[in-house]
Amino acid sequence: MDYFTKWPEVYPIPDQEAPTVAEAVVQHWISRYGVPLQLHSDQGRNFVSAVLKGVCELLGIDKTKTTPLHPQSDGMVERFNRTILNNLSLMVSKNQQDWDQKVPLFLLAYRSAVHETTGYSPSQMLFGRDLRLPCDLLFGRPPDTPSSPEEYVQNLQARFEDVHNLARERINLRTEKMKTRYDTKATGHQFKEGDKVWFYNPTRRKGLSPKLQSHWDGPYTILKIINDVVIRIRKSTNSKPRVVHYDRLAPYYGHNS
């Protein structure tokens, strides 16, 4: 994912071996967008291998990686990974064999949606325009003003300057807000007894990929707020209550929430 534009790329690959990953980076990312100044990844051995390191050295790419056991230091990609896995878990068939077929349409939707950090869609940030969507076939889109190639480039440059300047301001503001939220995170929760909640329960099901499973179970009812971080919940009157940490709970608004 590009840090500034928030444009994501996802490449289904047959394995996670270092040569496969390096080949995907060169054939798909670099061939389309050129050589990046920096490539930041987690501590996966396929990303810190001699193969990928050699590719980066050959192409003059600054290779960096996250802090060990702390993937949150690459929070943007971690959040995107959660988003795509949550969506794929709702889209795949029961045997999960068709997950790769669901990726392209998810990417179309993500690239077309306004990103909360920049205030623009990734396509606007990268191309200076929105992508054409299936809904445009029904409602139509305003016709583009005809222009010469020179005028088009000038207009595009001006549009990029406006969009990117505003996006930089929003990114800086977002960074400050995230820091403030992080510094004041231990302020407690907003749950109360009797509330319906989702419970995060990452139990693996045999024969299925845990990454494509929906780990939120519910609804549960809050029986008692034991203290600021510990809560007793129960799924039904016949089930056994369980005591959990509040950060494993989320408000329940119905099965589509």
Protein backbone atom coordinates (compact mmCIF):
# COMPACT_ATOMS: atom_id res chain seq x y z
CA MET A 1 0.00 0.00 0.00
CA ASP A 2 1.21 3.48 -0.85
CA TYR A 3 1.48 5.50 2.35
CA PHE A 4 0.46 8.86 0.85
CA THR A 5 -2.34 7.97 -1.59
CA LYS A 6 -3.58 4.90 0.39
CA TRP A 7 -3.73 2.98 -2.90
CA PRO A 8 -3.67 -0.77 -2.12
CA GLU A 9 -2.49 -3.68 -4.21
CA VAL A 10 -3.26 -7.32 -3.43
CA TYR A 11 -1.67 -10.20 -5.34
CA PRO A 12 -2.84 -13.78 -4.69
CA ILE A 13 0.28 -15.96 -4.84
CA PRO A 14 0.71 -19.76 -4.65
CA ASP A 15 3.10 -19.62 -1.68
CA GLN A 16 4.91 -17.19 0.63
CA GLU A 17 8.44 -18.09 -0.37
CA ALA A 18 10.88 -15.21 -0.81
CA PRO A 19 11.39 -15.63 -4.59
CA THR A 20 7.61 -15.65 -5.14
CA VAL A 21 7.16 -12.46 -3.11
CA ALA A 22 10.07 -10.72 -4.84
CA GLU A 23 8.71 -11.70 -8.26
CA ALA A 24 5.26 -10.32 -7.36
CA VAL A 25 6.77 -7.01 -6.22
CA VAL A 26 8.71 -6.59 -9.47
CA GLN A 27 6.14 -7.90 -11.96
CA HIS A 28 3.06 -6.27 -10.46
CA TRP A 29 4.00 -3.22 -8.39
CA ILE A 30 7.23 -1.92 -9.90
CA SER A 31 6.19 -2.63 -13.49
CA ARG A 32 3.05 -0.51 -13.02
CA TYR A 33 4.15 2.30 -10.73
CA GLY A 34 7.91 2.45 -11.06
CA VAL A 35 10.62 1.93 -8.45
CA PRO A 36 9.59 3.18 -4.98
CA LEU A 37 11.95 5.17 -2.80
CA GLN A 38 11.21 2.94 0.19
CA LEU A 39 9.69 -0.49 0.83
CA HIS A 40 8.42 -1.01 4.38
CA SER A 41 7.30 -4.45 5.56
CA ASP A 42 6.79 -6.60 8.62
CA GLN A 43 9.32 -9.10 9.97
CA GLY A 44 8.13 -11.98 7.77
CA ARG A 45 11.09 -14.00 6.51
CA ASN A 46 9.86 -13.61 2.93
CA PHE A 47 10.25 -9.83 3.27
CA VAL A 48 13.61 -9.81 5.05
CA SER A 49 15.19 -12.49 2.86
CA ALA A 50 18.39 -12.11 0.91
CA VAL A 51 16.39 -12.36 -2.33
CA LEU A 52 14.21 -9.31 -1.68
CA LYS A 53 17.11 -7.47 -0.09
CA GLY A 54 19.12 -8.04 -3.27
CA VAL A 55 16.26 -6.73 -5.43
CA CYS A 56 16.04 -3.59 -3.29
CA GLU A 57 19.79 -3.01 -3.43
CA LEU A 58 19.82 -3.51 -7.20
CA LEU A 59 16.99 -1.01 -7.74
CA GLY A 60 18.10 1.49 -5.09
CA ILE A 61 15.12 0.91 -2.78
CA ASP A 62 15.47 1.74 0.91
CA LYS A 63 14.22 -1.45 2.63
CA THR A 64 12.82 -0.94 6.15
CA LYS A 65 10.85 -3.19 8.48
CA THR A 66 8.62 -3.04 11.54
CA THR A 67 9.79 -3.49 15.10
CA PRO A 68 9.89 -7.19 16.11
CA LEU A 69 6.63 -8.42 17.72
CA HIS A 70 5.04 -5.02 17.16
CA PRO A 71 3.22 -4.99 13.80
CA GLN A 72 1.25 -1.93 14.97
CA SER A 73 4.25 0.15 13.88
CA ASP A 74 2.93 -0.49 10.36
CA GLY A 75 -0.60 0.34 11.45
CA MET A 76 -1.88 1.49 8.06
CA VAL A 77 -1.26 -1.90 6.44
CA GLU A 78 -2.45 -3.76 9.54
CA ARG A 79 -5.76 -1.90 9.40
CA PHE A 80 -6.10 -2.62 5.69
CA ASN A 81 -5.37 -6.30 6.30
CA ARG A 82 -8.13 -6.43 8.90
CA THR A 83 -10.51 -4.67 6.51
CA ILE A 84 -9.92 -7.01 3.58
CA LEU A 85 -9.99 -10.15 5.72
CA ASN A 86 -13.24 -9.07 7.41
CA ASN A 87 -14.81 -8.42 4.01
CA LEU A 88 -13.53 -11.64 2.45
CA SER A 89 -14.84 -13.64 5.40
CA LEU A 90 -18.34 -12.40 4.48
CA MET A 91 -17.91 -12.98 0.74
CA VAL A 92 -16.24 -16.37 0.41
CA SER A 93 -18.08 -19.66 0.02
CA LYS A 94 -18.16 -22.19 2.85
CA ASN A 95 -15.07 -24.04 1.58
CA GLN A 96 -13.16 -20.73 1.21
CA GLN A 97 -11.68 -21.88 -2.11
CA ASP A 98 -12.88 -18.83 -4.03
CA TRP A 99 -11.30 -16.10 -1.88
CA ASP A 100 -8.95 -14.96 -4.65
CA GLN A 101 -11.92 -14.38 -6.97
CA LYS A 102 -13.41 -11.90 -4.48
CA VAL A 103 -10.30 -9.72 -4.22
CA PRO A 104 -10.68 -7.60 -7.42
CA LEU A 105 -14.15 -6.25 -6.65
CA PHE A 106 -13.14 -5.53 -3.06
CA LEU A 107 -10.19 -3.53 -4.36
CA LEU A 108 -12.46 -1.60 -6.73
CA ALA A 109 -14.70 -0.62 -3.82
CA TYR A 110 -11.81 0.27 -1.51
CA ARG A 111 -10.00 2.35 -4.12
CA SER A 112 -13.21 4.24 -4.90
CA ALA A 113 -14.23 5.00 -1.30
CA VAL A 114 -13.21 8.20 0.46
CA HIS A 115 -10.39 7.45 2.90
CA GLU A 116 -10.97 8.87 6.37
CA THR A 117 -7.37 10.07 6.67
CA THR A 118 -6.94 11.95 3.39
CA GLY A 119 -10.55 12.93 2.72
CA TYR A 120 -10.21 11.61 -0.84
CA SER A 121 -10.48 8.21 -2.48
CA PRO A 122 -7.21 6.43 -3.33
CA SER A 123 -8.10 6.76 -7.02
CA GLN A 124 -8.45 10.55 -6.69
CA MET A 125 -5.11 10.71 -4.91
CA LEU A 126 -3.33 8.57 -7.51
CA PHE A 127 -5.05 9.45 -10.79
CA GLY A 128 -6.73 12.77 -10.04
CA ARG A 129 -10.17 11.32 -10.82
CA ASP A 130 -12.70 8.77 -9.62
CA LEU A 131 -12.80 5.28 -11.08
CA ARG A 132 -15.79 4.44 -13.26
CA LEU A 133 -18.10 2.14 -11.30
CA PRO A 134 -20.96 -0.17 -12.31
CA CYS A 135 -23.45 2.31 -10.81
CA ASP A 136 -22.31 4.88 -13.38
CA LEU A 137 -23.96 2.74 -16.05
CA LEU A 138 -27.31 3.51 -14.38
CA PHE A 139 -26.92 7.09 -13.26
CA GLY A 140 -24.31 8.31 -15.71
CA ARG A 141 -21.43 10.68 -15.04
CA PRO A 142 -20.88 14.29 -16.04
CA PRO A 143 -19.07 14.43 -19.40
CA ASP A 144 -15.44 15.42 -19.24
CA THR A 145 -14.60 18.76 -20.79
CA PRO A 146 -12.77 18.12 -24.08
CA SER A 147 -9.25 19.48 -24.08
CA SER A 148 -5.93 19.09 -25.79
CA PRO A 149 -3.30 16.84 -24.21
CA GLU A 150 -1.46 19.96 -23.00
CA GLU A 151 -4.57 21.39 -21.34
CA TYR A 152 -5.39 18.03 -19.81
CA VAL A 153 -1.93 17.76 -18.24
CA GLN A 154 -2.10 21.33 -16.91
CA ASN A 155 -5.55 20.76 -15.41
CA LEU A 156 -4.42 17.46 -13.92
CA GLN A 157 -1.34 19.05 -12.33
CA ALA A 158 -3.47 21.81 -10.80
CA ARG A 159 -5.96 19.26 -9.49
CA PHE A 160 -3.20 17.12 -8.00
CA GLU A 161 -1.70 20.16 -6.27
CA ASP A 162 -5.02 21.06 -4.63
CA VAL A 163 -5.91 17.50 -3.67
CA HIS A 164 -2.48 16.58 -2.33
CA ASN A 165 -2.09 19.79 -0.31
CA LEU A 166 -5.44 19.23 1.40
CA ALA A 167 -4.63 15.55 1.93
CA ARG A 168 -1.30 16.42 3.59
CA GLU A 169 -3.12 18.72 6.01
CA ARG A 170 -5.61 15.97 6.88
CA ILE A 171 -2.86 13.37 7.28
CA ASN A 172 -1.00 15.64 9.71
CA LEU A 173 -4.22 16.34 11.62
CA ARG A 174 -5.05 12.64 11.71
CA THR A 175 -1.58 11.84 13.04
CA GLU A 176 -2.00 14.35 15.86
CA LYS A 177 -5.45 12.97 16.74
CA MET A 178 -4.15 9.39 16.78
CA LYS A 179 -1.33 10.40 19.11
CA THR A 180 -3.78 12.13 21.44
CA ARG A 181 -6.10 9.10 21.38
CA TYR A 182 -3.19 6.77 22.09
CA ASP A 183 -2.02 8.92 25.00
CA THR A 184 -5.49 8.94 26.56
CA LYS A 185 -6.55 5.40 25.59
CA ALA A 186 -6.85 4.11 29.14
CA THR A 187 -9.94 6.17 29.90
CA GLY A 188 -12.35 3.22 30.19
CA HIS A 189 -15.27 2.00 28.08
CA GLN A 190 -18.83 3.16 27.42
CA PHE A 191 -20.62 -0.15 28.05
CA LYS A 192 -23.34 -0.58 30.67
CA GLU A 193 -25.13 -3.56 32.19
CA GLY A 194 -27.84 -4.94 29.92
CA ASP A 195 -26.13 -3.83 26.70
CA LYS A 196 -25.99 -6.21 23.74
CA VAL A 197 -22.44 -6.70 22.44
CA TRP A 198 -20.32 -8.65 19.98
CA PHE A 199 -17.61 -10.83 21.53
CA TYR A 200 -14.28 -11.32 19.74
CA ASN A 201 -13.49 -15.03 19.90
CA PRO A 202 -10.72 -16.11 17.46
CA THR A 203 -11.39 -19.86 17.80
CA ARG A 204 -10.12 -21.82 14.83
CA ARG A 205 -12.43 -24.12 12.91
CA LYS A 206 -10.84 -27.28 11.57
CA GLY A 207 -10.23 -27.28 7.82
CA LEU A 208 -10.82 -23.54 7.36
CA SER A 209 -8.44 -20.63 7.13
CA PRO A 210 -8.59 -18.68 10.41
CA LYS A 211 -7.87 -15.44 8.55
CA LEU A 212 -11.08 -15.77 6.54
CA GLN A 213 -13.30 -16.68 9.48
CA SER A 214 -15.56 -14.13 11.13
CA HIS A 215 -14.32 -14.05 14.75
CA TRP A 216 -17.10 -11.85 16.16
CA ASP A 217 -19.75 -13.89 17.97
CA GLY A 218 -23.00 -12.68 19.43
CA PRO A 219 -25.06 -11.09 20.58
CA TYR A 220 -24.01 -11.37 24.21
CA THR A 221 -25.62 -9.52 27.11
CA ILE A 222 -23.52 -7.64 29.67
CA LEU A 223 -24.43 -9.03 33.10
CA LYS A 224 -22.03 -7.05 35.25
CA ILE A 225 -19.32 -4.40 34.94
CA ILE A 226 -16.77 -5.86 37.33
CA ASN A 227 -14.29 -3.00 36.97
CA ASP A 228 -12.99 -0.58 34.33
CA VAL A 229 -11.63 -3.35 32.11
CA VAL A 230 -13.30 -6.62 33.15
CA ILE A 231 -16.90 -7.46 32.18
CA ARG A 232 -19.13 -10.50 32.73
CA ILE A 233 -21.22 -11.49 29.69
CA ARG A 234 -23.59 -14.28 28.70
CA LYS A 235 -24.89 -15.35 25.28
CA SER A 236 -28.20 -16.84 26.41
CA THR A 237 -30.03 -17.71 29.61
CA ASN A 238 -28.93 -21.33 29.20
CA SER A 239 -25.25 -20.59 28.56
CA LYS A 240 -22.47 -20.18 31.07
CA PRO A 241 -21.39 -16.59 31.83
CA ARG A 242 -17.85 -15.64 30.92
CA VAL A 243 -15.58 -12.91 32.19
CA VAL A 244 -13.71 -11.01 29.46
CA HIS A 245 -11.62 -7.90 28.86
CA TYR A 246 -13.60 -4.95 27.52
CA ASP A 247 -11.41 -4.56 24.42
CA ARG A 248 -12.82 -7.89 23.13
CA LEU A 249 -16.32 -6.38 22.99
CA ALA A 250 -18.05 -4.19 20.42
CA PRO A 251 -21.54 -2.64 20.43
CA TYR A 252 -24.22 -4.84 18.85
CA TYR A 253 -26.73 -3.09 16.57
CA GLY A 254 -28.07 -6.15 14.78
CA HIS A 255 -26.60 -8.91 12.61
CA ASN A 256 -25.44 -6.43 9.96
CA SER A 257 -23.52 -4.27 12.44
